Amino acid sequence: MEGLISTGQAVLEWAQRLGMISAAIAFCIGGYYLIWGGDRGRGKSIGWFIGAAVGLIIVMGALGIAQSVDSNIKF
């Protein structure tokens, strides 16, 4: 069971790194649309900004939730 828990935590840590990189790229794309998007650029950029922020919150919170469940529930 310990191996399964450590594997799950390793996967979540890997997902956090990937999520941070993806959010940074999404913020850059949103900034591009905001600056050079013309009349409809602001509307396009808001979607990228909100999507990146929500995705980052979900990915970063997943490891914290998994660790709290692991500390409270023992098999």
PDB file of N, CA and C in Angstrom:
ATOM      1  N   MET A   1       0.820  -1.198   0.000  1.00  0.00           N
ATOM      2  CA  MET A   1       0.000   0.000   0.000  1.00  0.00           C
ATOM      3  C   MET A   1       0.863   1.262   0.000  1.00  0.00           C
ATOM      4  N   GLU A   2       2.000   1.201   0.688  1.00  0.00           N
ATOM      5  CA  GLU A   2       2.889   2.366   0.729  1.00  0.00           C
ATOM      6  C   GLU A   2       3.426   2.703  -0.666  1.00  0.00           C
ATOM      7  N   GLY A   3       3.704   1.665  -1.459  1.00  0.00           N
ATOM      8  CA  GLY A   3       4.181   1.890  -2.818  1.00  0.00           C
ATOM      9  C   GLY A   3       3.135   2.583  -3.674  1.00  0.00           C
ATOM     10  N   LEU A   4       1.884   2.209  -3.488  1.00  0.00           N
ATOM     11  CA  LEU A   4       0.798   2.826  -4.240  1.00  0.00           C
ATOM     12  C   LEU A   4       0.628   4.291  -3.850  1.00  0.00           C
ATOM     13  N   ILE A   5       0.748   4.566  -2.573  1.00  0.00           N
ATOM     14  CA  ILE A   5       0.615   5.946  -2.093  1.00  0.00           C
ATOM     15  C   ILE A   5       1.755   6.806  -2.617  1.00  0.00           C
ATOM     16  N   SER A   6       2.983   6.275  -2.565  1.00  0.00           N
ATOM     17  CA  SER A   6       4.122   7.060  -3.052  1.00  0.00           C
ATOM     18  C   SER A   6       4.048   7.263  -4.569  1.00  0.00           C
ATOM     19  N   THR A   7       3.547   6.276  -5.290  1.00  0.00           N
ATOM     20  CA  THR A   7       3.367   6.431  -6.736  1.00  0.00           C
ATOM     21  C   THR A   7       2.332   7.505  -7.037  1.00  0.00           C
ATOM     22  N   GLY A   8       1.232   7.495  -6.299  1.00  0.00           N
ATOM     23  CA  GLY A   8       0.199   8.512  -6.480  1.00  0.00           C
ATOM     24  C   GLY A   8       0.714   9.910  -6.193  1.00  0.00           C
ATOM     25  N   GLN A   9       1.511  10.056  -5.140  1.00  0.00           N
ATOM     26  CA  GLN A   9       2.073  11.366  -4.824  1.00  0.00           C
ATOM     27  C   GLN A   9       3.079  11.803  -5.891  1.00  0.00           C
ATOM     28  N   ALA A  10       3.852  10.867  -6.416  1.00  0.00           N
ATOM     29  CA  ALA A  10       4.800  11.209  -7.478  1.00  0.00           C
ATOM     30  C   ALA A  10       4.065  11.672  -8.736  1.00  0.00           C
ATOM     31  N   VAL A  11       2.967  11.021  -9.056  1.00  0.00           N
ATOM     32  CA  VAL A  11       2.174  11.421 -10.227  1.00  0.00           C
ATOM     33  C   VAL A  11       1.586  12.810 -10.019  1.00  0.00           C
ATOM     34  N   LEU A  12       1.108  13.092  -8.809  1.00  0.00           N
ATOM     35  CA  LEU A  12       0.541  14.412  -8.534  1.00  0.00           C
ATOM     36  C   LEU A  12       1.616  15.494  -8.577  1.00  0.00           C
ATOM     37  N   GLU A  13       2.814  15.206  -8.091  1.00  0.00           N
ATOM     38  CA  GLU A  13       3.896  16.181  -8.159  1.00  0.00           C
ATOM     39  C   GLU A  13       4.290  16.446  -9.611  1.00  0.00           C
ATOM     40  N   TRP A  14       4.308  15.392 -10.434  1.00  0.00           N
ATOM     41  CA  TRP A  14       4.600  15.562 -11.851  1.00  0.00           C
ATOM     42  C   TRP A  14       3.515  16.405 -12.522  1.00  0.00           C
ATOM     43  N   ALA A  15       2.252  16.154 -12.148  1.00  0.00           N
ATOM     44  CA  ALA A  15       1.133  16.911 -12.719  1.00  0.00           C
ATOM     45  C   ALA A  15       1.213  18.381 -12.310  1.00  0.00           C
ATOM     46  N   GLN A  16       1.712  18.653 -11.093  1.00  0.00           N
ATOM     47  CA  GLN A  16       1.863  20.036 -10.667  1.00  0.00           C
ATOM     48  C   GLN A  16       2.889  20.765 -11.527  1.00  0.00           C
ATOM     49  N   ARG A  17       4.004  20.118 -11.807  1.00  0.00           N
ATOM     50  CA  ARG A  17       5.011  20.754 -12.659  1.00  0.00           C
ATOM     51  C   ARG A  17       4.446  21.039 -14.049  1.00  0.00           C
ATOM     52  N   LEU A  18       3.765  20.056 -14.604  1.00  0.00           N
ATOM     53  CA  LEU A  18       3.168  20.228 -15.923  1.00  0.00           C
ATOM     54  C   LEU A  18       2.092  21.309 -15.889  1.00  0.00           C
ATOM     55  N   GLY A  19       1.322  21.364 -14.815  1.00  0.00           N
ATOM     56  CA  GLY A  19       0.283  22.382 -14.675  1.00  0.00           C
ATOM     57  C   GLY A  19       0.846  23.784 -14.581  1.00  0.00           C
ATOM     58  N   MET A  20       1.962  23.935 -13.874  1.00  0.00           N
ATOM     59  CA  MET A  20       2.585  25.255 -13.767  1.00  0.00           C
ATOM     60  C   MET A  20       3.109  25.716 -15.120  1.00  0.00           C
ATOM     61  N   ILE A  21       3.710  24.811 -15.862  1.00  0.00           N
ATOM     62  CA  ILE A  21       4.214  25.160 -17.193  1.00  0.00           C
ATOM     63  C   ILE A  21       3.053  25.504 -18.125  1.00  0.00           C
ATOM     64  N   SER A  22       1.990  24.703 -18.067  1.00  0.00           N
ATOM     65  CA  SER A  22       0.821  24.956 -18.922  1.00  0.00           C
ATOM     66  C   SER A  22       0.148  26.276 -18.567  1.00  0.00           C
ATOM     67  N   ALA A  23       0.058  26.581 -17.280  1.00  0.00           N
ATOM     68  CA  ALA A  23      -0.560  27.849 -16.865  1.00  0.00           C
ATOM     69  C   ALA A  23       0.283  29.031 -17.336  1.00  0.00           C
ATOM     70  N   ALA A  24       1.596  28.905 -17.257  1.00  0.00           N
ATOM     71  CA  ALA A  24       2.463  29.992 -17.727  1.00  0.00           C
ATOM     72  C   ALA A  24       2.276  30.220 -19.225  1.00  0.00           C
ATOM     73  N   ILE A  25       2.172  29.149 -19.978  1.00  0.00           N
ATOM     74  CA  ILE A  25       1.942  29.275 -21.426  1.00  0.00           C
ATOM     75  C   ILE A  25       0.582  29.906 -21.695  1.00  0.00           C
ATOM     76  N   ALA A  26      -0.430  29.482 -20.936  1.00  0.00           N
ATOM     77  CA  ALA A  26      -1.771  30.033 -21.128  1.00  0.00           C
ATOM     78  C   ALA A  26      -1.812  31.520 -20.773  1.00  0.00           C
ATOM     79  N   PHE A  27      -1.104  31.927 -19.719  1.00  0.00           N
ATOM     80  CA  PHE A  27      -1.051  33.353 -19.384  1.00  0.00           C
ATOM     81  C   PHE A  27      -0.345  34.143 -20.481  1.00  0.00           C
ATOM     82  N   CYS A  28       0.675  33.570 -21.087  1.00  0.00           N
ATOM     83  CA  CYS A  28       1.362  34.240 -22.199  1.00  0.00           C
ATOM     84  C   CYS A  28       0.438  34.387 -23.410  1.00  0.00           C
ATOM     85  N   ILE A  29      -0.320  33.337 -23.709  1.00  0.00           N
ATOM     86  CA  ILE A  29      -1.260  33.421 -24.833  1.00  0.00           C
ATOM     87  C   ILE A  29      -2.346  34.448 -24.543  1.00  0.00           C
ATOM     88  N   GLY A  30      -2.841  34.469 -23.305  1.00  0.00           N
ATOM     89  CA  GLY A  30      -3.833  35.472 -22.915  1.00  0.00           C
ATOM     90  C   GLY A  30      -3.282  36.883 -23.028  1.00  0.00           C
ATOM     91  N   GLY A  31      -2.024  37.066 -22.629  1.00  0.00           N
ATOM     92  CA  GLY A  31      -1.395  38.379 -22.769  1.00  0.00           C
ATOM     93  C   GLY A  31      -1.232  38.784 -24.214  1.00  0.00           C
ATOM     94  N   TYR A  32      -0.908  37.819 -25.058  1.00  0.00           N
ATOM     95  CA  TYR A  32      -0.800  38.099 -26.490  1.00  0.00           C
ATOM     96  C   TYR A  32      -2.132  38.595 -27.043  1.00  0.00           C
ATOM     97  N   TYR A  33      -3.211  37.884 -26.698  1.00  0.00           N
ATOM     98  CA  TYR A  33      -4.533  38.306 -27.176  1.00  0.00           C
ATOM     99  C   TYR A  33      -4.927  39.657 -26.606  1.00  0.00           C
ATOM    100  N   LEU A  34      -4.551  39.918 -25.373  1.00  0.00           N
ATOM    101  CA  LEU A  34      -4.912  41.189 -24.750  1.00  0.00           C
ATOM    102  C   LEU A  34      -4.189  42.359 -25.422  1.00  0.00           C
ATOM    103  N   ILE A  35      -2.933  42.156 -25.754  1.00  0.00           N
ATOM    104  CA  ILE A  35      -2.145  43.244 -26.333  1.00  0.00           C
ATOM    105  C   ILE A  35      -2.416  43.410 -27.829  1.00  0.00           C
ATOM    106  N   TRP A  36      -2.375  42.312 -28.576  1.00  0.00           N
ATOM    107  CA  TRP A  36      -2.466  42.394 -30.034  1.00  0.00           C
ATOM    108  C   TRP A  36      -3.752  41.794 -30.601  1.00  0.00           C
ATOM    109  N   GLY A  37      -4.746  41.584 -29.782  1.00  0.00           N
ATOM    110  CA  GLY A  37      -5.963  40.926 -30.239  1.00  0.00           C
ATOM    111  C   GLY A  37      -6.971  41.823 -30.925  1.00  0.00           C
ATOM    112  N   GLY A  38      -6.747  43.091 -30.897  1.00  0.00           N
ATOM    113  CA  GLY A  38      -7.687  44.006 -31.546  1.00  0.00           C
ATOM    114  C   GLY A  38      -8.948  44.198 -30.723  1.00  0.00           C
ATOM    115  N   ASP A  39     -10.072  44.373 -31.422  1.00  0.00           N
ATOM    116  CA  ASP A  39     -11.338  44.647 -30.743  1.00  0.00           C
ATOM    117  C   ASP A  39     -11.825  43.476 -29.898  1.00  0.00           C
ATOM    118  N   ARG A  40     -11.609  42.270 -30.359  1.00  0.00           N
ATOM    119  CA  ARG A  40     -12.104  41.088 -29.645  1.00  0.00           C
ATOM    120  C   ARG A  40     -11.025  40.439 -28.780  1.00  0.00           C
ATOM    121  N   GLY A  41      -9.873  41.071 -28.678  1.00  0.00           N
ATOM    122  CA  GLY A  41      -8.762  40.491 -27.939  1.00  0.00           C
ATOM    123  C   GLY A  41      -9.017  40.362 -26.447  1.00  0.00           C
ATOM    124  N   ARG A  42      -9.710  41.351 -25.878  1.00  0.00           N
ATOM    125  CA  ARG A  42      -9.975  41.298 -24.437  1.00  0.00           C
ATOM    126  C   ARG A  42     -10.863  40.120 -24.083  1.00  0.00           C
ATOM    127  N   GLY A  43     -11.863  39.862 -24.884  1.00  0.00           N
ATOM    128  CA  GLY A  43     -12.754  38.724 -24.628  1.00  0.00           C
ATOM    129  C   GLY A  43     -12.041  37.392 -24.740  1.00  0.00           C
ATOM    130  N   LYS A  44     -11.145  37.280 -25.708  1.00  0.00           N
ATOM    131  CA  LYS A  44     -10.379  36.047 -25.859  1.00  0.00           C
ATOM    132  C   LYS A  44      -9.396  35.864 -24.706  1.00  0.00           C
ATOM    133  N   SER A  45      -8.781  36.963 -24.262  1.00  0.00           N
ATOM    134  CA  SER A  45      -7.767  36.847 -23.222  1.00  0.00           C
ATOM    135  C   SER A  45      -8.377  36.479 -21.874  1.00  0.00           C
ATOM    136  N   ILE A  46      -9.577  36.945 -21.597  1.00  0.00           N
ATOM    137  CA  ILE A  46     -10.218  36.624 -20.318  1.00  0.00           C
ATOM    138  C   ILE A  46     -10.423  35.126 -20.180  1.00  0.00           C
ATOM    139  N   GLY A  47     -10.822  34.472 -21.238  1.00  0.00           N
ATOM    140  CA  GLY A  47     -10.989  33.022 -21.206  1.00  0.00           C
ATOM    141  C   GLY A  47      -9.683  32.295 -20.906  1.00  0.00           C
ATOM    142  N   TRP A  48      -8.600  32.746 -21.500  1.00  0.00           N
ATOM    143  CA  TRP A  48      -7.292  32.126 -21.242  1.00  0.00           C
ATOM    144  C   TRP A  48      -6.851  32.361 -19.802  1.00  0.00           C
ATOM    145  N   PHE A  49      -7.061  33.591 -19.302  1.00  0.00           N
ATOM    146  CA  PHE A  49      -6.649  33.900 -17.933  1.00  0.00           C
ATOM    147  C   PHE A  49      -7.446  33.097 -16.903  1.00  0.00           C
ATOM    148  N   ILE A  50      -8.751  33.047 -17.076  1.00  0.00           N
ATOM    149  CA  ILE A  50      -9.591  32.308 -16.127  1.00  0.00           C
ATOM    150  C   ILE A  50      -9.299  30.814 -16.195  1.00  0.00           C
ATOM    151  N   GLY A  51      -9.155  30.290 -17.390  1.00  0.00           N
ATOM    152  CA  GLY A  51      -8.850  28.872 -17.543  1.00  0.00           C
ATOM    153  C   GLY A  51      -7.524  28.491 -16.907  1.00  0.00           C
ATOM    154  N   ALA A  52      -6.512  29.318 -17.090  1.00  0.00           N
ATOM    155  CA  ALA A  52      -5.200  29.040 -16.500  1.00  0.00           C
ATOM    156  C   ALA A  52      -5.258  29.107 -14.984  1.00  0.00           C
ATOM    157  N   ALA A  53      -5.954  30.103 -14.449  1.00  0.00           N
ATOM    158  CA  ALA A  53      -6.029  30.254 -12.993  1.00  0.00           C
ATOM    159  C   ALA A  53      -6.799  29.103 -12.352  1.00  0.00           C
ATOM    160  N   VAL A  54      -7.931  28.737 -12.918  1.00  0.00           N
ATOM    161  CA  VAL A  54      -8.736  27.646 -12.357  1.00  0.00           C
ATOM    162  C   VAL A  54      -7.991  26.318 -12.474  1.00  0.00           C
ATOM    163  N   GLY A  55      -7.369  26.075 -13.608  1.00  0.00           N
ATOM    164  CA  GLY A  55      -6.603  24.847 -13.768  1.00  0.00           C
ATOM    165  C   GLY A  55      -5.446  24.755 -12.800  1.00  0.00           C
ATOM    166  N   LEU A  56      -4.777  25.873 -12.567  1.00  0.00           N
ATOM    167  CA  LEU A  56      -3.661  25.890 -11.631  1.00  0.00           C
ATOM    168  C   LEU A  56      -4.125  25.650 -10.203  1.00  0.00           C
ATOM    169  N   ILE A  57      -5.255  26.211  -9.832  1.00  0.00           N
ATOM    170  CA  ILE A  57      -5.804  25.983  -8.493  1.00  0.00           C
ATOM    171  C   ILE A  57      -6.157  24.519  -8.304  1.00  0.00           C
ATOM    172  N   ILE A  58      -6.771  23.909  -9.294  1.00  0.00           N
ATOM    173  CA  ILE A  58      -7.157  22.494  -9.191  1.00  0.00           C
ATOM    174  C   ILE A  58      -5.935  21.604  -9.085  1.00  0.00           C
ATOM    175  N   VAL A  59      -4.950  21.825  -9.932  1.00  0.00           N
ATOM    176  CA  VAL A  59      -3.760  20.969  -9.927  1.00  0.00           C
ATOM    177  C   VAL A  59      -2.961  21.149  -8.646  1.00  0.00           C
ATOM    178  N   MET A  60      -2.814  22.383  -8.176  1.00  0.00           N
ATOM    179  CA  MET A  60      -2.044  22.615  -6.966  1.00  0.00           C
ATOM    180  C   MET A  60      -2.776  22.121  -5.716  1.00  0.00           C
ATOM    181  N   GLY A  61      -4.087  22.144  -5.732  1.00  0.00           N
ATOM    182  CA  GLY A  61      -4.848  21.671  -4.581  1.00  0.00           C
ATOM    183  C   GLY A  61      -4.973  20.166  -4.501  1.00  0.00           C
ATOM    184  N   ALA A  62      -4.734  19.468  -5.596  1.00  0.00           N
ATOM    185  CA  ALA A  62      -4.913  18.010  -5.615  1.00  0.00           C
ATOM    186  C   ALA A  62      -3.943  17.306  -4.675  1.00  0.00           C
ATOM    187  N   LEU A  63      -2.695  17.740  -4.632  1.00  0.00           N
ATOM    188  CA  LEU A  63      -1.711  17.104  -3.758  1.00  0.00           C
ATOM    189  C   LEU A  63      -2.042  17.372  -2.293  1.00  0.00           C
ATOM    190  N   GLY A  64      -2.474  18.567  -1.975  1.00  0.00           N
ATOM    191  CA  GLY A  64      -2.870  18.884  -0.601  1.00  0.00           C
ATOM    192  C   GLY A  64      -4.050  18.056  -0.139  1.00  0.00           C
ATOM    193  N   ILE A  65      -5.025  17.873  -1.009  1.00  0.00           N
ATOM    194  CA  ILE A  65      -6.185  17.036  -0.666  1.00  0.00           C
ATOM    195  C   ILE A  65      -5.762  15.591  -0.488  1.00  0.00           C
ATOM    196  N   ALA A  66      -4.896  15.100  -1.368  1.00  0.00           N
ATOM    197  CA  ALA A  66      -4.431  13.719  -1.270  1.00  0.00           C
ATOM    198  C   ALA A  66      -3.643  13.490   0.016  1.00  0.00           C
ATOM    199  N   GLN A  67      -2.829  14.437   0.413  1.00  0.00           N
ATOM    200  CA  GLN A  67      -2.056  14.290   1.641  1.00  0.00           C
ATOM    201  C   GLN A  67      -2.938  14.361   2.874  1.00  0.00           C
ATOM    202  N   SER A  68      -3.960  15.200   2.856  1.00  0.00           N
ATOM    203  CA  SER A  68      -4.865  15.263   4.009  1.00  0.00           C
ATOM    204  C   SER A  68      -5.698  14.004   4.133  1.00  0.00           C
ATOM    205  N   VAL A  69      -6.123  13.438   3.017  1.00  0.00           N
ATOM    206  CA  VAL A  69      -6.860  12.187   3.056  1.00  0.00           C
ATOM    207  C   VAL A  69      -5.950  11.068   3.557  1.00  0.00           C
ATOM    208  N   ASP A  70      -4.708  11.051   3.112  1.00  0.00           N
ATOM    209  CA  ASP A  70      -3.755  10.029   3.544  1.00  0.00           C
ATOM    210  C   ASP A  70      -3.473  10.109   5.044  1.00  0.00           C
ATOM    211  N   SER A  71      -3.395  11.318   5.579  1.00  0.00           N
ATOM    212  CA  SER A  71      -3.105  11.454   7.012  1.00  0.00           C
ATOM    213  C   SER A  71      -4.321  11.136   7.874  1.00  0.00           C
ATOM    214  N   ASN A  72      -5.532  11.310   7.344  1.00  0.00           N
ATOM    215  CA  ASN A  72      -6.732  11.070   8.134  1.00  0.00           C
ATOM    216  C   ASN A  72      -7.269   9.643   8.005  1.00  0.00           C
ATOM    217  N   ILE A  73      -7.014   8.979   6.901  1.00  0.00           N
ATOM    218  CA  ILE A  73      -7.568   7.653   6.668  1.00  0.00           C
ATOM    219  C   ILE A  73      -6.426   6.671   6.504  1.00  0.00           C
ATOM    220  N   LYS A  74      -6.392   5.644   7.315  1.00  0.00           N
ATOM    221  CA  LYS A  74      -5.373   4.591   7.217  1.00  0.00           C
ATOM    222  C   LYS A  74      -6.063   3.267   6.921  1.00  0.00           C
ATOM    223  N   PHE A  75      -5.462   2.505   6.005  1.00  0.00           N
ATOM    224  CA  PHE A  75      -6.026   1.210   5.643  1.00  0.00           C
ATOM    225  C   PHE A  75      -5.302   0.111   6.386  1.00  0.00           C
TER     226      PHE A  75
END
